[in-house]
Amino acid sequence: MDCGGWCGGCRPASLLYLVHIETVEDNHWERLPKSCADYQKKGKRTDGEYLLYPPILNSVEVRIYCHNMNTTMPKEFVTLKYKNVGKHPNLEDVDCSGNPMPSKSWSWYTGETEFFKLGVNIQSMMVRETDFTFARHYGEHVVGFGEARDSYTKHYNQKRNKCGPVGTFHIDMRGTGLKVDDDLEWMAEGQFAYGEWTRDHGNATVDILAGGYAGGLKPIEPILLMHNPNDIY
């Protein structure tokens, strides 16, 4: 700045603010914890809720329950705020008589599972669909996350019979800041299977209705969780 003159000079036209500028290499920028193991490195050894910043989600903040923090292999879980439950009723009505009875041939195929925390691979945000660490079971069959089946009646050529299906799974990610992958679809499996699914709340909830004799629906690929910018948690 060059200023001067006969009894003159320069002065700021507005208030001056001091700004600190620091250059940091990209790979050292604010080492945000990306996994429960990163918190262990900071000395944390207590199971509980932590804020993680997974790169797969563009480092968006996600609240994750860290389990087994006092071991060498901690695991990440999403705490579910609403009911997430799969029901495979012990009923059959093969002839659609309107008088369903307890299943004779497929009783082992029936059961109910409710998830309270959902296991995820924090690097990929893929659900561990058969991680039942925080789940409760009833009946003989353990229901994987996102699967719906029954042994109620036969659906030919994947066309719905006049009765059934009665197998259900309700996914509800509201309150977690996450949602189910927008492109996820389900596929029929088993015998005489039929199923359908509906999405709501911007893919934060999915209701699956499926069954067969015995059969139903399962995700066509691992369930991927995505950031839900419209969710408040």
Protein backbone atom coordinates (compact mmCIF):
# COMPACT_ATOMS: atom_id res chain seq x y z
CA MET A 1 0.00 0.00 0.00
CA ASP A 2 1.46 3.35 -1.04
CA CYS A 3 -0.04 6.43 0.57
CA GLY A 4 1.11 9.97 1.14
CA GLY A 5 0.63 13.61 0.33
CA TRP A 6 0.90 17.04 1.94
CA CYS A 7 -0.46 16.10 5.40
CA GLY A 8 -2.48 13.27 3.83
CA GLY A 9 -2.57 9.50 3.61
CA CYS A 10 -4.93 6.51 3.57
CA ARG A 11 -7.36 4.94 5.97
CA PRO A 12 -9.56 1.81 5.75
CA ALA A 13 -12.98 2.34 4.25
CA SER A 14 -14.46 -0.21 6.70
CA LEU A 15 -13.57 -2.12 9.84
CA LEU A 16 -10.54 -4.39 9.66
CA TYR A 17 -10.86 -8.09 10.58
CA LEU A 18 -7.97 -10.40 11.32
CA VAL A 19 -8.33 -13.76 9.58
CA HIS A 20 -6.20 -16.79 10.36
CA ILE A 21 -5.44 -18.88 7.28
CA GLU A 22 -3.91 -22.30 7.72
CA THR A 23 -2.89 -24.63 4.92
CA VAL A 24 -3.41 -28.29 5.69
CA GLU A 25 -2.74 -31.21 3.38
CA ASP A 26 -5.93 -32.95 2.29
CA ASN A 27 -5.01 -36.25 3.88
CA HIS A 28 -4.46 -34.60 7.25
CA TRP A 29 -7.54 -32.40 7.28
CA GLU A 30 -9.37 -32.55 10.64
CA ARG A 31 -9.03 -36.28 11.16
CA LEU A 32 -12.70 -36.95 11.70
CA PRO A 33 -13.48 -40.44 13.08
CA LYS A 34 -14.64 -42.70 10.29
CA SER A 35 -15.18 -45.85 12.35
CA CYS A 36 -15.49 -47.08 15.91
CA ALA A 37 -11.87 -48.19 15.68
CA ASP A 38 -10.88 -44.55 15.18
CA TYR A 39 -12.48 -43.72 18.54
CA GLN A 40 -10.52 -46.55 20.13
CA LYS A 41 -7.35 -44.86 18.93
CA LYS A 42 -8.50 -41.80 20.86
CA GLY A 43 -8.76 -43.92 24.00
CA LYS A 44 -12.50 -44.64 23.93
CA ARG A 45 -13.37 -48.10 25.28
CA THR A 46 -17.04 -47.74 26.20
CA ASP A 47 -19.93 -49.04 24.10
CA GLY A 48 -22.36 -46.29 23.14
CA GLU A 49 -23.48 -43.72 20.58
CA TYR A 50 -20.74 -41.90 18.67
CA LEU A 51 -20.67 -39.50 15.73
CA LEU A 52 -18.91 -40.94 12.68
CA TYR A 53 -18.12 -39.40 9.30
CA PRO A 54 -18.00 -42.23 6.74
CA PRO A 55 -16.24 -41.29 3.48
CA ILE A 56 -18.81 -43.37 1.54
CA LEU A 57 -21.40 -40.78 2.68
CA ASN A 58 -19.11 -37.87 1.74
CA SER A 59 -18.18 -37.58 5.42
CA VAL A 60 -21.70 -36.58 6.45
CA GLU A 61 -22.22 -36.91 10.20
CA VAL A 62 -23.97 -40.14 11.24
CA ARG A 63 -24.86 -41.29 14.73
CA ILE A 64 -23.59 -44.85 15.21
CA TYR A 65 -23.66 -47.26 18.14
CA CYS A 66 -20.20 -48.72 18.72
CA HIS A 67 -20.30 -52.27 20.13
CA ASN A 68 -17.48 -54.34 21.63
CA MET A 69 -15.32 -51.27 22.15
CA ASN A 70 -13.23 -53.15 24.73
CA THR A 71 -12.12 -55.68 22.08
CA THR A 72 -9.88 -55.53 19.03
CA MET A 73 -12.86 -55.81 16.68
CA PRO A 74 -15.52 -53.19 17.47
CA LYS A 75 -18.64 -53.21 15.30
CA GLU A 76 -20.93 -50.46 14.09
CA PHE A 77 -24.72 -50.48 14.50
CA VAL A 78 -27.50 -48.02 13.68
CA THR A 79 -29.92 -47.55 16.57
CA LEU A 80 -33.46 -47.85 15.20
CA LYS A 81 -36.01 -45.38 16.53
CA TYR A 82 -39.09 -47.14 15.14
CA LYS A 83 -40.17 -50.76 14.85
CA ASN A 84 -38.32 -52.86 12.24
CA VAL A 85 -39.86 -56.31 12.22
CA GLY A 86 -40.33 -59.32 9.96
CA LYS A 87 -43.24 -61.74 10.44
CA HIS A 88 -43.59 -65.18 8.85
CA PRO A 89 -46.91 -66.40 10.32
CA ASN A 90 -47.49 -70.06 11.16
CA LEU A 91 -50.53 -70.28 8.89
CA GLU A 92 -51.54 -71.95 5.65
CA ASP A 93 -54.61 -71.96 3.44
CA VAL A 94 -53.45 -73.75 0.30
CA ASP A 95 -56.94 -73.87 -1.23
CA CYS A 96 -57.86 -70.32 -0.16
CA SER A 97 -60.83 -71.71 1.75
CA GLY A 98 -60.92 -68.75 4.09
CA ASN A 99 -60.09 -70.99 7.06
CA PRO A 100 -56.33 -70.79 7.58
CA MET A 101 -54.79 -73.43 9.83
CA PRO A 102 -51.38 -73.84 11.48
CA SER A 103 -48.85 -74.96 8.91
CA LYS A 104 -48.26 -78.72 8.82
CA SER A 105 -45.34 -79.00 6.44
CA TRP A 106 -43.58 -75.66 6.98
CA SER A 107 -43.87 -74.89 10.71
CA TRP A 108 -40.07 -74.64 10.91
CA TYR A 109 -40.28 -71.85 8.31
CA THR A 110 -42.31 -69.55 10.54
CA GLY A 111 -41.24 -66.95 13.07
CA GLU A 112 -40.88 -63.28 13.91
CA THR A 113 -37.77 -61.14 14.34
CA GLU A 114 -37.60 -57.55 15.54
CA PHE A 115 -34.41 -55.49 15.13
CA PHE A 116 -33.49 -52.81 17.65
CA LYS A 117 -30.07 -51.97 16.23
CA LEU A 118 -28.97 -52.66 12.67
CA GLY A 119 -25.47 -53.91 11.92
CA VAL A 120 -23.67 -52.04 9.13
CA ASN A 121 -20.32 -52.21 7.39
CA ILE A 122 -19.20 -48.65 8.02
CA GLN A 123 -16.87 -48.59 5.00
CA SER A 124 -19.66 -49.44 2.53
CA MET A 125 -22.80 -48.68 4.60
CA MET A 126 -24.11 -52.12 3.64
CA VAL A 127 -26.42 -53.78 6.14
CA ARG A 128 -25.34 -56.98 7.86
CA GLU A 129 -28.73 -58.57 7.28
CA THR A 130 -28.11 -61.63 9.45
CA ASP A 131 -26.49 -59.85 12.40
CA PHE A 132 -28.95 -60.56 15.20
CA THR A 133 -26.86 -59.11 18.04
CA PHE A 134 -29.60 -56.59 18.85
CA ALA A 135 -32.68 -58.50 17.70
CA ARG A 136 -35.45 -60.49 19.38
CA HIS A 137 -36.88 -63.72 17.94
CA TYR A 138 -40.11 -65.63 18.30
CA GLY A 139 -40.88 -69.00 16.73
CA GLU A 140 -38.59 -71.39 14.92
CA HIS A 141 -37.37 -69.33 11.96
CA VAL A 142 -35.08 -66.31 12.32
CA VAL A 143 -36.04 -63.60 9.81
CA GLY A 144 -33.19 -61.81 8.04
CA PHE A 145 -33.44 -58.03 7.77
CA GLY A 146 -35.55 -57.00 4.79
CA GLU A 147 -36.85 -60.52 3.99
CA ALA A 148 -40.53 -61.48 3.81
CA ARG A 149 -41.80 -65.05 3.40
CA ASP A 150 -44.62 -67.38 4.31
CA SER A 151 -45.99 -70.87 3.64
CA TYR A 152 -49.59 -69.76 3.27
CA THR A 153 -50.61 -70.67 -0.28
CA LYS A 154 -49.31 -71.16 -3.83
CA HIS A 155 -48.87 -68.31 -6.28
CA TYR A 156 -48.40 -69.56 -9.83
CA ASN A 157 -46.09 -67.80 -12.31
CA GLN A 158 -45.44 -65.09 -9.70
CA LYS A 159 -49.07 -63.97 -9.94
CA ARG A 160 -50.91 -63.34 -6.71
CA ASN A 161 -53.42 -65.98 -5.63
CA LYS A 162 -56.85 -64.90 -4.38
CA CYS A 163 -55.59 -65.28 -0.81
CA GLY A 164 -52.29 -64.38 0.78
CA PRO A 165 -49.54 -63.61 1.02
CA VAL A 166 -49.20 -62.90 4.74
CA GLY A 167 -45.42 -62.68 5.18
CA THR A 168 -44.27 -59.14 5.96
CA PHE A 169 -41.24 -57.03 6.78
CA HIS A 170 -41.38 -53.40 7.83
CA ILE A 171 -38.22 -51.27 7.44
CA ASP A 172 -38.23 -47.88 9.15
CA MET A 173 -35.05 -45.78 9.16
CA ARG A 174 -36.73 -42.54 10.26
CA GLY A 175 -34.83 -40.72 12.96
CA THR A 176 -31.45 -42.17 11.96
CA GLY A 177 -30.47 -39.71 9.24
CA LEU A 178 -30.35 -42.62 6.80
CA LYS A 179 -32.61 -44.24 4.20
CA VAL A 180 -32.69 -47.34 2.03
CA ASP A 181 -30.92 -47.16 -1.34
CA ASP A 182 -33.30 -45.58 -3.86
CA ASP A 183 -32.55 -48.28 -6.46
CA LEU A 184 -32.89 -51.35 -4.24
CA GLU A 185 -35.27 -54.04 -5.48
CA TRP A 186 -36.39 -57.42 -4.17
CA MET A 187 -36.47 -60.80 -5.90
CA ALA A 188 -38.67 -63.88 -5.51
CA GLU A 189 -37.19 -66.99 -3.94
CA GLY A 190 -38.50 -70.38 -2.90
CA GLN A 191 -41.53 -72.14 -4.32
CA PHE A 192 -44.74 -70.60 -5.73
CA ALA A 193 -43.53 -67.18 -4.60
CA TYR A 194 -45.11 -63.77 -5.00
CA GLY A 195 -44.33 -60.43 -3.42
CA GLU A 196 -44.55 -56.66 -3.61
CA TRP A 197 -43.11 -53.70 -1.77
CA THR A 198 -44.00 -50.06 -1.20
CA ARG A 199 -41.79 -47.15 -0.20
CA ASP A 200 -42.67 -44.05 1.79
CA HIS A 201 -41.07 -41.10 3.58
CA GLY A 202 -38.49 -40.68 0.81
CA ASN A 203 -37.34 -44.31 1.06
CA ALA A 204 -36.88 -44.11 4.81
CA THR A 205 -39.63 -46.73 5.14
CA VAL A 206 -40.31 -49.84 3.07
CA ASP A 207 -43.15 -52.32 3.55
CA ILE A 208 -42.67 -55.76 2.01
CA LEU A 209 -45.52 -58.25 1.55
CA ALA A 210 -44.57 -61.68 0.24
CA GLY A 211 -45.09 -65.40 0.47
CA GLY A 212 -45.33 -68.73 -1.29
CA TYR A 213 -45.42 -72.41 -0.48
CA ALA A 214 -42.92 -71.84 0.85
CA GLY A 215 -41.33 -68.72 -0.53
CA GLY A 216 -41.21 -64.95 -0.59
CA LEU A 217 -38.92 -62.02 -1.34
CA LYS A 218 -35.37 -61.11 -0.43
CA PRO A 219 -33.23 -58.10 -1.46
CA ILE A 220 -31.71 -58.63 -4.89
CA GLU A 221 -28.42 -57.30 -3.50
CA PRO A 222 -27.11 -56.25 -0.08
CA ILE A 223 -29.13 -53.41 1.43
CA LEU A 224 -27.23 -50.14 1.14
CA LEU A 225 -27.98 -47.23 3.47
CA MET A 226 -27.71 -43.69 2.15
CA HIS A 227 -27.72 -40.25 3.75
CA ASN A 228 -31.20 -38.84 4.14
CA PRO A 229 -30.94 -35.03 4.06
CA ASN A 230 -34.64 -34.70 4.90
CA ASP A 231 -34.40 -36.65 8.16
CA ILE A 232 -33.94 -34.89 11.48
CA TYR A 233 -32.37 -36.92 14.27
